[in-house]
């Protein structure tokens, strides 16, 4: 069965977004990417864990992720559902086991999915090039929610390419990573470097086949 013919699932991520203290955009992207990795590596997602079957079903189909936002009581209700919360410097993201496309829990289904815009108060520092970097395309404009999902895709592609030992090392280190927008003159080289490339399916915001992220992990720089 092809990915398109398989039953389709989506990995829900919810960004904690209070009006008075929005997180920085880059931190939100990095926290979402780590949240995906934490979900992939959680014992409940592996072997005979309680989330393992739905995780396999999700990964056998199109790898869809949707980021929504919540504040106040909405966030507290989301946190009461089974899932994992990952905290960055200013961002909080809760990730949940995959759900069918038309089977969202009511607490998540009513959350907003569009219009999430975030800014960086200051330009992010240069990344540590000895560690993992998820390079975002300089050519594709995306909302914060869309970019968070794409960063999660990039982290997942890197995870798939690593050996068990490399995965364990990354997990034990706390999944360090940086998300940065690539320079225009470097993007073409990155997309042809052999590193994992996210090519969007085009369900929302951008054209199908658009290259959005290159996952640059030290173990994959061969």
N, C-alpha and C. Protein backbone atom coordinates (compact mmCIF):
# COMPACT_ATOMS: atom_id res chain seq x y z
N UNK A 1 0.85 -1.19 0.00
CA UNK A 1 0.00 0.00 0.00
C UNK A 1 0.89 1.24 0.00
N UNK A 2 0.58 2.21 -0.87
CA UNK A 2 1.36 3.43 -0.93
C UNK A 2 1.02 4.33 0.26
N UNK A 3 1.87 5.33 0.48
CA UNK A 3 1.61 6.28 1.57
C UNK A 3 0.28 6.99 1.38
N UNK A 4 -0.09 7.28 0.14
CA UNK A 4 -1.35 7.99 -0.10
C UNK A 4 -2.56 7.10 0.10
N UNK A 5 -2.40 5.80 -0.12
CA UNK A 5 -3.52 4.87 0.01
C UNK A 5 -3.72 4.43 1.45
N UNK A 6 -2.69 4.53 2.28
CA UNK A 6 -2.80 4.10 3.68
C UNK A 6 -3.71 5.05 4.45
N UNK A 7 -4.33 4.57 5.52
CA UNK A 7 -5.12 5.46 6.38
C UNK A 7 -4.24 6.63 6.85
N UNK A 8 -4.80 7.83 6.81
CA UNK A 8 -4.02 9.03 7.07
C UNK A 8 -4.21 9.52 8.52
N UNK A 9 -3.07 9.84 9.13
CA UNK A 9 -3.06 10.35 10.49
C UNK A 9 -2.30 11.68 10.50
N UNK A 10 -2.43 12.41 11.60
CA UNK A 10 -1.72 13.66 11.77
C UNK A 10 -1.18 13.72 13.19
N UNK A 11 0.02 14.27 13.32
CA UNK A 11 0.62 14.47 14.64
C UNK A 11 0.26 15.88 15.11
N UNK A 12 -0.55 16.01 16.17
CA UNK A 12 -0.93 17.34 16.65
C UNK A 12 0.14 17.93 17.57
N UNK A 13 0.46 19.18 17.35
CA UNK A 13 1.31 19.95 18.25
C UNK A 13 0.56 21.22 18.62
N UNK A 14 0.62 21.59 19.88
CA UNK A 14 -0.06 22.79 20.35
C UNK A 14 0.96 23.71 20.99
N UNK A 15 0.98 24.94 20.52
CA UNK A 15 1.87 25.97 21.06
C UNK A 15 1.14 26.75 22.13
N UNK A 16 1.78 26.88 23.29
CA UNK A 16 1.22 27.70 24.36
C UNK A 16 1.48 29.17 23.99
N UNK A 17 0.41 29.90 23.72
CA UNK A 17 0.55 31.26 23.21
C UNK A 17 -0.38 32.20 23.98
N UNK A 18 0.16 32.78 25.03
CA UNK A 18 -0.57 33.80 25.77
C UNK A 18 -0.38 35.16 25.09
N UNK A 19 -1.40 36.00 25.15
CA UNK A 19 -1.35 37.30 24.48
C UNK A 19 -0.23 38.18 25.00
N UNK A 20 0.03 38.09 26.30
CA UNK A 20 0.97 39.02 26.91
C UNK A 20 2.42 38.57 26.83
N UNK A 21 2.67 37.30 26.49
CA UNK A 21 4.05 36.81 26.51
C UNK A 21 4.27 35.78 25.41
N UNK A 22 4.18 36.21 24.15
CA UNK A 22 4.40 35.24 23.06
C UNK A 22 5.85 34.79 23.02
N UNK A 23 6.11 33.55 22.64
CA UNK A 23 7.49 33.08 22.54
C UNK A 23 8.18 33.67 21.31
N UNK A 24 9.49 33.62 21.32
CA UNK A 24 10.26 34.02 20.14
C UNK A 24 10.06 32.99 19.04
N UNK A 25 10.05 33.45 17.80
CA UNK A 25 9.78 32.56 16.68
C UNK A 25 10.80 31.43 16.58
N UNK A 26 12.09 31.75 16.62
CA UNK A 26 13.10 30.71 16.47
C UNK A 26 13.01 29.69 17.60
N UNK A 27 12.77 30.15 18.82
CA UNK A 27 12.65 29.22 19.94
C UNK A 27 11.43 28.32 19.76
N UNK A 28 10.34 28.87 19.22
CA UNK A 28 9.15 28.04 18.97
C UNK A 28 9.45 26.96 17.94
N UNK A 29 10.19 27.31 16.88
CA UNK A 29 10.56 26.32 15.87
C UNK A 29 11.44 25.24 16.45
N UNK A 30 12.43 25.63 17.24
CA UNK A 30 13.34 24.66 17.83
C UNK A 30 12.62 23.76 18.84
N UNK A 31 11.71 24.34 19.61
CA UNK A 31 10.98 23.56 20.60
C UNK A 31 10.04 22.56 19.92
N UNK A 32 9.42 22.96 18.83
CA UNK A 32 8.56 22.04 18.08
C UNK A 32 9.37 20.88 17.52
N UNK A 33 10.55 21.17 16.98
CA UNK A 33 11.40 20.11 16.44
C UNK A 33 11.80 19.12 17.53
N UNK A 34 12.17 19.65 18.70
CA UNK A 34 12.54 18.75 19.80
C UNK A 34 11.33 17.96 20.28
N UNK A 35 10.14 18.57 20.26
CA UNK A 35 8.95 17.86 20.69
C UNK A 35 8.69 16.64 19.81
N UNK A 36 8.90 16.78 18.51
CA UNK A 36 8.73 15.64 17.60
C UNK A 36 9.73 14.54 17.95
N UNK A 37 10.96 14.92 18.21
CA UNK A 37 11.99 13.93 18.55
C UNK A 37 11.68 13.24 19.88
N UNK A 38 11.20 14.01 20.85
CA UNK A 38 10.83 13.42 22.14
C UNK A 38 9.71 12.40 21.97
N UNK A 39 8.73 12.73 21.12
CA UNK A 39 7.64 11.78 20.87
C UNK A 39 8.15 10.53 20.16
N UNK A 40 9.00 10.71 19.15
CA UNK A 40 9.53 9.55 18.42
C UNK A 40 10.33 8.62 19.30
N UNK A 41 11.01 9.16 20.30
CA UNK A 41 11.92 8.36 21.12
C UNK A 41 11.31 7.89 22.43
N UNK A 42 10.10 8.35 22.75
CA UNK A 42 9.47 7.98 24.01
C UNK A 42 9.19 6.47 24.04
N UNK A 43 9.43 5.80 25.16
CA UNK A 43 9.16 4.36 25.23
C UNK A 43 7.75 3.97 24.84
N UNK A 44 6.79 4.87 25.07
CA UNK A 44 5.41 4.56 24.71
C UNK A 44 5.19 4.54 23.20
N UNK A 45 6.14 5.11 22.45
CA UNK A 45 6.04 5.14 20.98
C UNK A 45 6.77 3.97 20.33
N UNK A 46 7.45 3.15 21.12
CA UNK A 46 8.33 2.12 20.59
C UNK A 46 7.84 0.73 20.97
N UNK A 47 8.24 -0.24 20.15
CA UNK A 47 8.00 -1.67 20.45
C UNK A 47 6.52 -1.91 20.75
N UNK A 48 6.21 -2.32 21.98
CA UNK A 48 4.83 -2.62 22.35
C UNK A 48 4.22 -1.51 23.21
N UNK A 49 4.78 -0.31 23.13
CA UNK A 49 4.26 0.80 23.92
C UNK A 49 2.84 1.17 23.53
N UNK A 50 2.17 1.91 24.41
CA UNK A 50 0.75 2.20 24.20
C UNK A 50 0.50 3.08 22.98
N UNK A 51 1.50 3.84 22.55
CA UNK A 51 1.34 4.68 21.36
C UNK A 51 2.01 4.07 20.13
N UNK A 52 2.64 2.92 20.27
CA UNK A 52 3.49 2.39 19.20
C UNK A 52 2.72 2.10 17.92
N UNK A 53 1.54 1.51 18.01
CA UNK A 53 0.82 1.14 16.80
C UNK A 53 0.38 2.36 16.02
N UNK A 54 -0.15 3.36 16.71
CA UNK A 54 -0.59 4.55 15.99
C UNK A 54 0.60 5.34 15.45
N UNK A 55 1.73 5.27 16.13
CA UNK A 55 2.94 5.90 15.61
C UNK A 55 3.38 5.21 14.32
N UNK A 56 3.30 3.88 14.29
CA UNK A 56 3.65 3.15 13.07
C UNK A 56 2.68 3.46 11.95
N UNK A 57 1.38 3.49 12.28
CA UNK A 57 0.38 3.80 11.26
C UNK A 57 0.61 5.19 10.67
N UNK A 58 0.92 6.14 11.53
CA UNK A 58 1.18 7.51 11.07
C UNK A 58 2.40 7.55 10.16
N UNK A 59 3.46 6.87 10.52
CA UNK A 59 4.69 6.93 9.74
C UNK A 59 4.61 6.10 8.46
N UNK A 60 3.64 5.20 8.38
CA UNK A 60 3.44 4.44 7.14
C UNK A 60 2.67 5.23 6.09
N UNK A 61 2.03 6.32 6.52
CA UNK A 61 1.25 7.15 5.59
C UNK A 61 2.01 8.47 5.37
N UNK A 62 1.32 9.47 4.87
CA UNK A 62 1.91 10.79 4.74
C UNK A 62 2.27 11.33 6.12
N UNK A 63 3.45 11.92 6.26
CA UNK A 63 3.88 12.39 7.57
C UNK A 63 3.33 13.79 7.79
N UNK A 64 2.13 13.84 8.30
CA UNK A 64 1.46 15.13 8.51
C UNK A 64 1.62 15.58 9.95
N UNK A 65 1.84 16.88 10.10
CA UNK A 65 1.88 17.53 11.42
C UNK A 65 1.06 18.81 11.31
N UNK A 66 0.30 19.10 12.35
CA UNK A 66 -0.47 20.34 12.39
C UNK A 66 -0.21 21.01 13.73
N UNK A 67 0.13 22.29 13.66
CA UNK A 67 0.39 23.09 14.86
C UNK A 67 -0.79 24.02 15.10
N UNK A 68 -1.34 23.94 16.30
CA UNK A 68 -2.40 24.85 16.72
C UNK A 68 -1.92 25.61 17.95
N UNK A 69 -2.69 26.57 18.40
CA UNK A 69 -2.27 27.39 19.52
C UNK A 69 -3.35 27.41 20.58
N UNK A 70 -2.93 27.59 21.83
CA UNK A 70 -3.89 27.60 22.94
C UNK A 70 -3.36 28.51 24.04
N UNK A 71 -4.28 29.07 24.78
CA UNK A 71 -3.92 29.87 25.95
C UNK A 71 -4.94 29.63 27.05
N UNK A 72 -4.57 29.99 28.26
CA UNK A 72 -5.49 29.92 29.39
C UNK A 72 -6.10 28.55 29.58
N UNK A 73 -7.43 28.54 29.69
CA UNK A 73 -8.14 27.28 29.93
C UNK A 73 -7.96 26.30 28.79
N UNK A 74 -7.84 26.80 27.55
CA UNK A 74 -7.62 25.90 26.41
C UNK A 74 -6.32 25.13 26.57
N UNK A 75 -5.27 25.82 27.00
CA UNK A 75 -3.98 25.16 27.20
C UNK A 75 -4.07 24.14 28.33
N UNK A 76 -4.74 24.48 29.40
CA UNK A 76 -4.86 23.54 30.52
C UNK A 76 -5.64 22.28 30.10
N UNK A 77 -6.67 22.45 29.28
CA UNK A 77 -7.42 21.29 28.79
C UNK A 77 -6.56 20.44 27.86
N UNK A 78 -5.76 21.08 27.03
CA UNK A 78 -4.87 20.33 26.14
C UNK A 78 -3.85 19.54 26.94
N UNK A 79 -3.35 20.14 28.01
CA UNK A 79 -2.33 19.46 28.83
C UNK A 79 -2.91 18.27 29.60
N UNK A 80 -4.22 18.23 29.73
CA UNK A 80 -4.84 17.10 30.43
C UNK A 80 -4.94 15.86 29.53
N UNK A 81 -4.76 16.03 28.22
CA UNK A 81 -4.81 14.89 27.30
C UNK A 81 -3.46 14.18 27.27
N UNK A 82 -3.45 12.88 26.95
CA UNK A 82 -2.17 12.16 26.87
C UNK A 82 -1.24 12.81 25.85
N UNK A 83 -0.03 13.07 26.26
CA UNK A 83 0.95 13.69 25.38
C UNK A 83 2.18 14.09 26.16
N UNK A 84 3.01 14.92 25.56
CA UNK A 84 4.27 15.34 26.17
C UNK A 84 4.45 16.83 25.96
N UNK A 85 4.92 17.52 26.99
CA UNK A 85 5.19 18.95 26.87
C UNK A 85 6.69 19.18 26.86
N UNK A 86 7.13 19.95 25.89
CA UNK A 86 8.55 20.28 25.75
C UNK A 86 8.68 21.79 25.89
N UNK A 87 9.64 22.22 26.69
CA UNK A 87 9.82 23.63 26.99
C UNK A 87 11.15 24.11 26.46
N UNK A 88 11.12 25.26 25.77
CA UNK A 88 12.34 25.90 25.31
C UNK A 88 12.68 27.08 26.19
N UNK A 89 13.37 28.06 25.64
CA UNK A 89 13.73 29.25 26.41
C UNK A 89 12.49 30.09 26.70
N UNK A 90 11.63 30.21 25.73
CA UNK A 90 10.40 31.01 25.91
C UNK A 90 9.16 30.28 25.42
N UNK A 91 9.35 29.16 24.76
CA UNK A 91 8.23 28.44 24.13
C UNK A 91 7.88 27.17 24.89
N UNK A 92 6.61 26.84 24.87
CA UNK A 92 6.10 25.56 25.36
C UNK A 92 5.28 24.93 24.25
N UNK A 93 5.59 23.68 23.94
CA UNK A 93 4.86 22.95 22.91
C UNK A 93 4.44 21.61 23.48
N UNK A 94 3.19 21.29 23.32
CA UNK A 94 2.71 19.95 23.72
C UNK A 94 2.45 19.15 22.45
N UNK A 95 2.98 17.93 22.41
CA UNK A 95 2.81 17.04 21.27
C UNK A 95 1.99 15.83 21.73
N UNK A 96 1.14 15.37 20.84
CA UNK A 96 0.20 14.30 21.17
C UNK A 96 0.41 13.12 20.23
N UNK A 97 0.02 11.92 20.64
CA UNK A 97 0.07 10.79 19.71
C UNK A 97 -0.77 11.09 18.48
N UNK A 98 -0.41 10.54 17.33
CA UNK A 98 -1.16 10.83 16.09
C UNK A 98 -2.63 10.49 16.22
N UNK A 99 -3.44 11.24 15.49
CA UNK A 99 -4.89 11.02 15.46
C UNK A 99 -5.32 10.95 14.00
N UNK A 100 -6.43 10.26 13.70
CA UNK A 100 -6.95 10.27 12.32
C UNK A 100 -7.25 11.70 11.87
N UNK A 101 -7.16 11.92 10.57
CA UNK A 101 -7.40 13.26 10.05
C UNK A 101 -8.75 13.83 10.50
N UNK A 102 -9.75 12.97 10.58
CA UNK A 102 -11.08 13.44 10.97
C UNK A 102 -11.44 12.99 12.38
N UNK A 103 -10.42 12.69 13.21
CA UNK A 103 -10.69 12.16 14.54
C UNK A 103 -9.99 12.92 15.66
N UNK A 104 -9.90 14.24 15.52
CA UNK A 104 -9.24 15.05 16.55
C UNK A 104 -10.06 15.04 17.84
N UNK A 105 -9.42 14.96 19.00
CA UNK A 105 -10.15 15.17 20.26
C UNK A 105 -10.79 16.55 20.26
N UNK A 106 -11.96 16.67 20.86
CA UNK A 106 -12.69 17.94 20.82
C UNK A 106 -11.90 19.07 21.45
N UNK A 107 -11.05 18.75 22.44
CA UNK A 107 -10.27 19.79 23.10
C UNK A 107 -9.24 20.41 22.15
N UNK A 108 -8.82 19.64 21.14
CA UNK A 108 -7.85 20.13 20.18
C UNK A 108 -8.50 20.61 18.90
N UNK A 109 -9.63 20.00 18.53
CA UNK A 109 -10.28 20.33 17.26
C UNK A 109 -10.73 21.78 17.21
N UNK A 110 -11.07 22.36 18.34
CA UNK A 110 -11.59 23.73 18.34
C UNK A 110 -10.48 24.78 18.41
N UNK A 111 -9.24 24.36 18.55
CA UNK A 111 -8.14 25.33 18.63
C UNK A 111 -7.84 25.92 17.26
N UNK A 112 -7.36 27.16 17.26
CA UNK A 112 -7.05 27.84 16.01
C UNK A 112 -5.83 27.21 15.34
N UNK A 113 -5.87 27.14 14.01
CA UNK A 113 -4.78 26.53 13.26
C UNK A 113 -4.05 27.54 12.38
N UNK A 114 -4.68 28.67 12.10
CA UNK A 114 -4.07 29.64 11.18
C UNK A 114 -3.81 30.96 11.89
N UNK A 115 -2.97 31.77 11.26
CA UNK A 115 -2.77 33.11 11.75
C UNK A 115 -1.77 33.27 12.87
N UNK A 116 -1.03 32.24 13.18
CA UNK A 116 -0.04 32.36 14.25
C UNK A 116 1.21 33.04 13.71
N UNK A 117 1.48 34.24 14.20
CA UNK A 117 2.66 34.98 13.77
C UNK A 117 3.53 35.29 14.98
N UNK A 118 4.79 35.02 14.87
CA UNK A 118 5.75 35.26 15.95
C UNK A 118 6.95 36.00 15.38
N UNK A 119 7.64 36.70 16.25
CA UNK A 119 8.85 37.42 15.85
C UNK A 119 9.98 37.06 16.79
N UNK A 120 11.20 37.29 16.32
CA UNK A 120 12.38 37.20 17.18
C UNK A 120 12.71 38.60 17.66
N UNK A 121 12.70 38.85 18.98
CA UNK A 121 13.03 40.18 19.47
C UNK A 121 14.42 40.64 19.02
N UNK A 122 15.34 39.69 18.92
CA UNK A 122 16.69 39.96 18.42
C UNK A 122 17.05 38.87 17.42
N UNK A 123 17.89 39.18 16.46
CA UNK A 123 18.31 38.14 15.51
C UNK A 123 18.96 36.98 16.26
N UNK A 124 18.62 35.74 15.90
CA UNK A 124 19.23 34.60 16.59
C UNK A 124 20.72 34.54 16.34
N UNK A 125 21.45 34.05 17.34
CA UNK A 125 22.90 33.94 17.23
C UNK A 125 23.27 32.92 16.16
N UNK A 126 24.49 33.01 15.67
CA UNK A 126 24.97 32.01 14.72
C UNK A 126 24.90 30.63 15.36
N UNK A 127 24.48 29.62 14.62
CA UNK A 127 24.34 28.29 15.21
C UNK A 127 25.70 27.63 15.43
N UNK A 128 25.72 26.66 16.33
CA UNK A 128 26.90 25.82 16.54
C UNK A 128 26.96 24.81 15.40
N UNK A 129 27.87 25.01 14.48
CA UNK A 129 27.93 24.16 13.29
C UNK A 129 28.48 22.77 13.58
N UNK A 130 28.95 22.54 14.81
CA UNK A 130 29.37 21.18 15.18
C UNK A 130 28.18 20.34 15.65
N UNK A 131 27.00 20.97 15.81
CA UNK A 131 25.81 20.27 16.23
C UNK A 131 24.76 20.25 15.14
N UNK A 132 23.60 19.66 15.41
CA UNK A 132 22.54 19.59 14.41
C UNK A 132 21.95 20.98 14.11
N UNK A 133 21.75 21.26 12.84
CA UNK A 133 21.11 22.50 12.41
C UNK A 133 20.03 22.14 11.39
N UNK A 134 18.84 22.66 11.60
CA UNK A 134 17.76 22.53 10.62
C UNK A 134 17.73 23.84 9.85
N UNK A 135 18.13 23.78 8.59
CA UNK A 135 18.23 24.96 7.76
C UNK A 135 16.91 25.19 7.04
N UNK A 136 16.28 26.33 7.28
CA UNK A 136 15.03 26.69 6.64
C UNK A 136 15.30 27.38 5.32
N UNK A 137 14.42 27.19 4.37
CA UNK A 137 14.57 27.82 3.07
C UNK A 137 14.47 29.34 3.17
N UNK A 138 15.36 30.06 2.49
CA UNK A 138 15.24 31.52 2.44
C UNK A 138 14.21 31.98 1.40
N UNK A 139 13.67 31.05 0.64
CA UNK A 139 12.81 31.39 -0.49
C UNK A 139 11.33 31.16 -0.25
N UNK A 140 10.97 30.51 0.87
CA UNK A 140 9.57 30.14 1.12
C UNK A 140 9.09 30.87 2.36
N UNK A 141 8.05 31.69 2.20
CA UNK A 141 7.44 32.38 3.34
C UNK A 141 6.41 31.47 3.99
N UNK A 142 6.50 31.33 5.30
CA UNK A 142 5.58 30.48 6.03
C UNK A 142 5.14 31.15 7.32
N UNK A 143 3.92 30.87 7.74
CA UNK A 143 3.48 31.30 9.06
C UNK A 143 4.31 30.57 10.11
N UNK A 144 4.25 31.05 11.34
CA UNK A 144 5.01 30.39 12.41
C UNK A 144 4.56 28.94 12.59
N UNK A 145 3.24 28.71 12.54
CA UNK A 145 2.76 27.34 12.71
C UNK A 145 3.24 26.41 11.62
N UNK A 146 3.18 26.87 10.37
CA UNK A 146 3.67 26.06 9.26
C UNK A 146 5.16 25.80 9.39
N UNK A 147 5.92 26.82 9.76
CA UNK A 147 7.36 26.65 9.91
C UNK A 147 7.70 25.69 11.05
N UNK A 148 6.91 25.72 12.12
CA UNK A 148 7.13 24.78 13.22
C UNK A 148 6.92 23.34 12.75
N UNK A 149 5.87 23.12 11.96
CA UNK A 149 5.62 21.78 11.43
C UNK A 149 6.76 21.34 10.51
N UNK A 150 7.26 22.27 9.68
CA UNK A 150 8.35 21.92 8.77
C UNK A 150 9.63 21.60 9.53
N UNK A 151 9.91 22.36 10.59
CA UNK A 151 11.07 22.05 11.42
C UNK A 151 10.93 20.66 12.04
N UNK A 152 9.71 20.33 12.45
CA UNK A 152 9.47 18.98 12.97
C UNK A 152 9.72 17.92 11.92
N UNK A 153 9.31 18.18 10.67
CA UNK A 153 9.59 17.24 9.59
C UNK A 153 11.10 17.04 9.43
N UNK A 154 11.85 18.15 9.46
CA UNK A 154 13.29 18.05 9.29
C UNK A 154 13.94 17.22 10.38
N UNK A 155 13.52 17.46 11.63
CA UNK A 155 14.06 16.67 12.74
C UNK A 155 13.74 15.19 12.57
N UNK A 156 12.53 14.90 12.10
CA UNK A 156 12.14 13.51 11.91
C UNK A 156 12.94 12.83 10.80
N UNK A 157 13.20 13.54 9.70
CA UNK A 157 14.01 12.95 8.64
C UNK A 157 15.42 12.64 9.13
N UNK A 158 15.99 13.55 9.92
CA UNK A 158 17.32 13.28 10.48
C UNK A 158 17.27 12.05 11.39
N UNK A 159 16.25 11.95 12.22
CA UNK A 159 16.09 10.82 13.14
C UNK A 159 16.04 9.50 12.36
N UNK A 160 15.30 9.48 11.28
CA UNK A 160 15.18 8.26 10.48
C UNK A 160 16.53 7.82 9.90
N UNK A 161 17.40 8.78 9.59
CA UNK A 161 18.67 8.47 8.94
C UNK A 161 19.74 8.00 9.91
N UNK A 162 19.55 8.22 11.20
CA UNK A 162 20.59 7.91 12.19
C UNK A 162 20.55 6.45 12.60
N UNK A 163 21.69 5.95 13.04
CA UNK A 163 21.76 4.61 13.60
C UNK A 163 21.18 4.62 15.02
N UNK A 164 20.94 3.44 15.57
CA UNK A 164 20.41 3.36 16.92
C UNK A 164 21.34 4.05 17.92
N UNK A 165 22.64 3.86 17.74
CA UNK A 165 23.60 4.48 18.65
C UNK A 165 23.58 5.99 18.52
N UNK A 166 23.50 6.48 17.29
CA UNK A 166 23.46 7.93 17.07
C UNK A 166 22.17 8.53 17.62
N UNK A 167 21.08 7.80 17.49
CA UNK A 167 19.82 8.28 18.06
C UNK A 167 19.93 8.37 19.58
N UNK A 168 20.49 7.33 20.19
CA UNK A 168 20.62 7.31 21.65
C UNK A 168 21.51 8.44 22.14
N UNK A 169 22.59 8.71 21.43
CA UNK A 169 23.48 9.81 21.82
C UNK A 169 22.75 11.15 21.76
N UNK A 170 21.98 11.35 20.70
CA UNK A 170 21.24 12.61 20.55
C UNK A 170 20.19 12.75 21.64
N UNK A 171 19.48 11.67 21.90
CA UNK A 171 18.45 11.69 22.94
C UNK A 171 19.07 11.96 24.30
N UNK A 172 20.16 11.27 24.62
CA UNK A 172 20.78 11.42 25.94
C UNK A 172 21.34 12.83 26.15
N UNK A 173 21.68 13.50 25.05
CA UNK A 173 22.17 14.88 25.14
C UNK A 173 21.04 15.89 25.26
N UNK A 174 19.78 15.42 25.17
CA UNK A 174 18.64 16.32 25.27
C UNK A 174 18.19 16.90 23.95
N UNK A 175 18.55 16.25 22.86
CA UNK A 175 18.19 16.69 21.51
C UNK A 175 18.59 18.15 21.24
N UNK A 176 19.87 18.47 21.40
CA UNK A 176 20.29 19.83 21.03
C UNK A 176 20.12 20.03 19.52
N UNK A 177 19.67 21.20 19.13
CA UNK A 177 19.55 21.53 17.70
C UNK A 177 19.33 23.03 17.58
N UNK A 178 19.59 23.53 16.40
CA UNK A 178 19.31 24.92 16.07
C UNK A 178 18.47 24.95 14.80
N UNK A 179 17.60 25.94 14.71
CA UNK A 179 16.85 26.19 13.48
C UNK A 179 17.24 27.58 12.99
N UNK A 180 17.72 27.65 11.77
CA UNK A 180 18.13 28.93 11.19
C UNK A 180 17.72 28.98 9.72
N UNK A 181 17.54 30.17 9.22
CA UNK A 181 17.28 30.35 7.79
C UNK A 181 18.61 30.38 7.06
N UNK A 182 18.73 29.56 6.04
CA UNK A 182 19.98 29.47 5.28
C UNK A 182 20.19 30.75 4.46
N UNK A 183 21.45 31.09 4.25
CA UNK A 183 21.78 32.18 3.34
C UNK A 183 21.40 31.77 1.92
N UNK A 184 21.01 32.74 1.13
CA UNK A 184 20.56 32.44 -0.22
C UNK A 184 21.58 31.71 -1.05
N UNK A 185 22.86 32.09 -0.91
CA UNK A 185 23.89 31.45 -1.73
C UNK A 185 24.27 30.07 -1.22
N UNK A 186 23.85 29.72 0.00
CA UNK A 186 24.17 28.40 0.56
C UNK A 186 23.04 27.40 0.36
N UNK A 187 21.82 27.90 0.10
CA UNK A 187 20.65 27.02 0.06
C UNK A 187 20.76 25.97 -1.05
N UNK A 188 21.15 26.38 -2.23
CA UNK A 188 21.24 25.43 -3.34
C UNK A 188 22.22 24.32 -3.03
N UNK A 189 23.35 24.66 -2.41
CA UNK A 189 24.34 23.65 -2.05
C UNK A 189 23.79 22.70 -0.99
N UNK A 190 23.04 23.23 -0.05
CA UNK A 190 22.46 22.39 1.00
C UNK A 190 21.47 21.39 0.41
N UNK A 191 20.63 21.84 -0.51
CA UNK A 191 19.60 20.95 -1.05
C UNK A 191 20.17 19.87 -1.96
N UNK A 192 21.41 20.01 -2.40
CA UNK A 192 22.04 18.99 -3.25
C UNK A 192 23.20 18.30 -2.54
N UNK A 193 23.27 18.45 -1.22
CA UNK A 193 24.40 17.93 -0.46
C UNK A 193 24.27 16.46 -0.08
N UNK A 194 23.09 15.90 -0.27
CA UNK A 194 22.84 14.53 0.18
C UNK A 194 22.23 14.46 1.56
N UNK A 195 22.12 15.60 2.26
CA UNK A 195 21.44 15.64 3.55
C UNK A 195 19.93 15.52 3.34
N UNK A 196 19.18 15.07 4.35
CA UNK A 196 17.73 14.95 4.20
C UNK A 196 17.07 16.30 3.89
N UNK A 197 16.17 16.29 2.94
CA UNK A 197 15.47 17.50 2.50
C UNK A 197 13.96 17.29 2.67
N UNK A 198 13.31 18.25 3.30
CA UNK A 198 11.85 18.22 3.41
C UNK A 198 11.25 18.83 2.15
N UNK A 199 10.40 18.07 1.48
CA UNK A 199 9.67 18.56 0.31
C UNK A 199 8.18 18.53 0.67
N UNK A 200 7.61 19.69 0.78
CA UNK A 200 6.25 19.80 1.30
C UNK A 200 5.23 19.21 0.32
N UNK A 201 4.20 18.58 0.88
CA UNK A 201 3.16 17.97 0.06
C UNK A 201 2.19 18.99 -0.51
N UNK A 202 2.23 20.21 0.00
CA UNK A 202 1.38 21.26 -0.56
C UNK A 202 -0.04 21.29 -0.04
N UNK A 203 -0.30 20.70 1.13
CA UNK A 203 -1.66 20.72 1.67
C UNK A 203 -2.06 22.12 2.13
N UNK A 204 -1.11 22.89 2.63
CA UNK A 204 -1.41 24.24 3.13
C UNK A 204 -0.28 25.20 2.79
N UNK A 205 -0.63 26.41 2.49
CA UNK A 205 0.24 27.59 2.38
C UNK A 205 1.19 27.61 1.19
N UNK A 206 1.90 26.52 0.90
CA UNK A 206 2.96 26.58 -0.10
C UNK A 206 2.74 25.53 -1.19
N UNK A 207 3.44 25.69 -2.29
CA UNK A 207 3.25 24.83 -3.45
C UNK A 207 3.79 23.42 -3.19
N UNK A 208 3.13 22.39 -3.74
CA UNK A 208 3.63 21.02 -3.60
C UNK A 208 5.05 20.90 -4.12
N UNK A 209 5.86 20.14 -3.39
CA UNK A 209 7.23 19.89 -3.81
C UNK A 209 8.22 20.94 -3.37
N UNK A 210 7.74 22.00 -2.71
CA UNK A 210 8.66 23.05 -2.25
C UNK A 210 9.65 22.47 -1.24
N UNK A 211 10.92 22.79 -1.41
CA UNK A 211 11.94 22.39 -0.44
C UNK A 211 11.93 23.41 0.70
N UNK A 212 11.67 22.94 1.89
CA UNK A 212 11.50 23.87 3.01
C UNK A 212 12.60 23.77 4.05
N UNK A 213 13.16 22.58 4.27
CA UNK A 213 14.14 22.38 5.33
C UNK A 213 15.19 21.37 4.87
N UNK A 214 16.43 21.63 5.25
CA UNK A 214 17.50 20.64 5.12
C UNK A 214 17.97 20.29 6.52
N UNK A 215 17.98 19.00 6.83
CA UNK A 215 18.36 18.51 8.15
C UNK A 215 19.85 18.19 8.17
N UNK A 216 20.61 19.04 8.83
CA UNK A 216 22.07 18.94 8.85
C UNK A 216 22.52 18.44 10.22
N UNK A 217 22.67 17.13 10.34
CA UNK A 217 23.15 16.51 11.58
C UNK A 217 24.58 16.06 11.39
N UNK A 218 25.46 16.26 12.39
CA UNK A 218 26.88 15.89 12.20
C UNK A 218 27.08 14.46 11.73
N UNK A 219 26.26 13.55 12.20
CA UNK A 219 26.42 12.15 11.84
C UNK A 219 26.08 11.88 10.38
N UNK A 220 25.39 12.84 9.74
CA UNK A 220 24.97 12.65 8.35
C UNK A 220 25.86 13.39 7.36
N UNK A 221 26.87 14.07 7.88
CA UNK A 221 27.78 14.83 7.01
C UNK A 221 28.88 13.90 6.52
N UNK A 222 28.54 13.10 5.54
CA UNK A 222 29.50 12.08 5.07
C UNK A 222 30.06 12.47 3.72
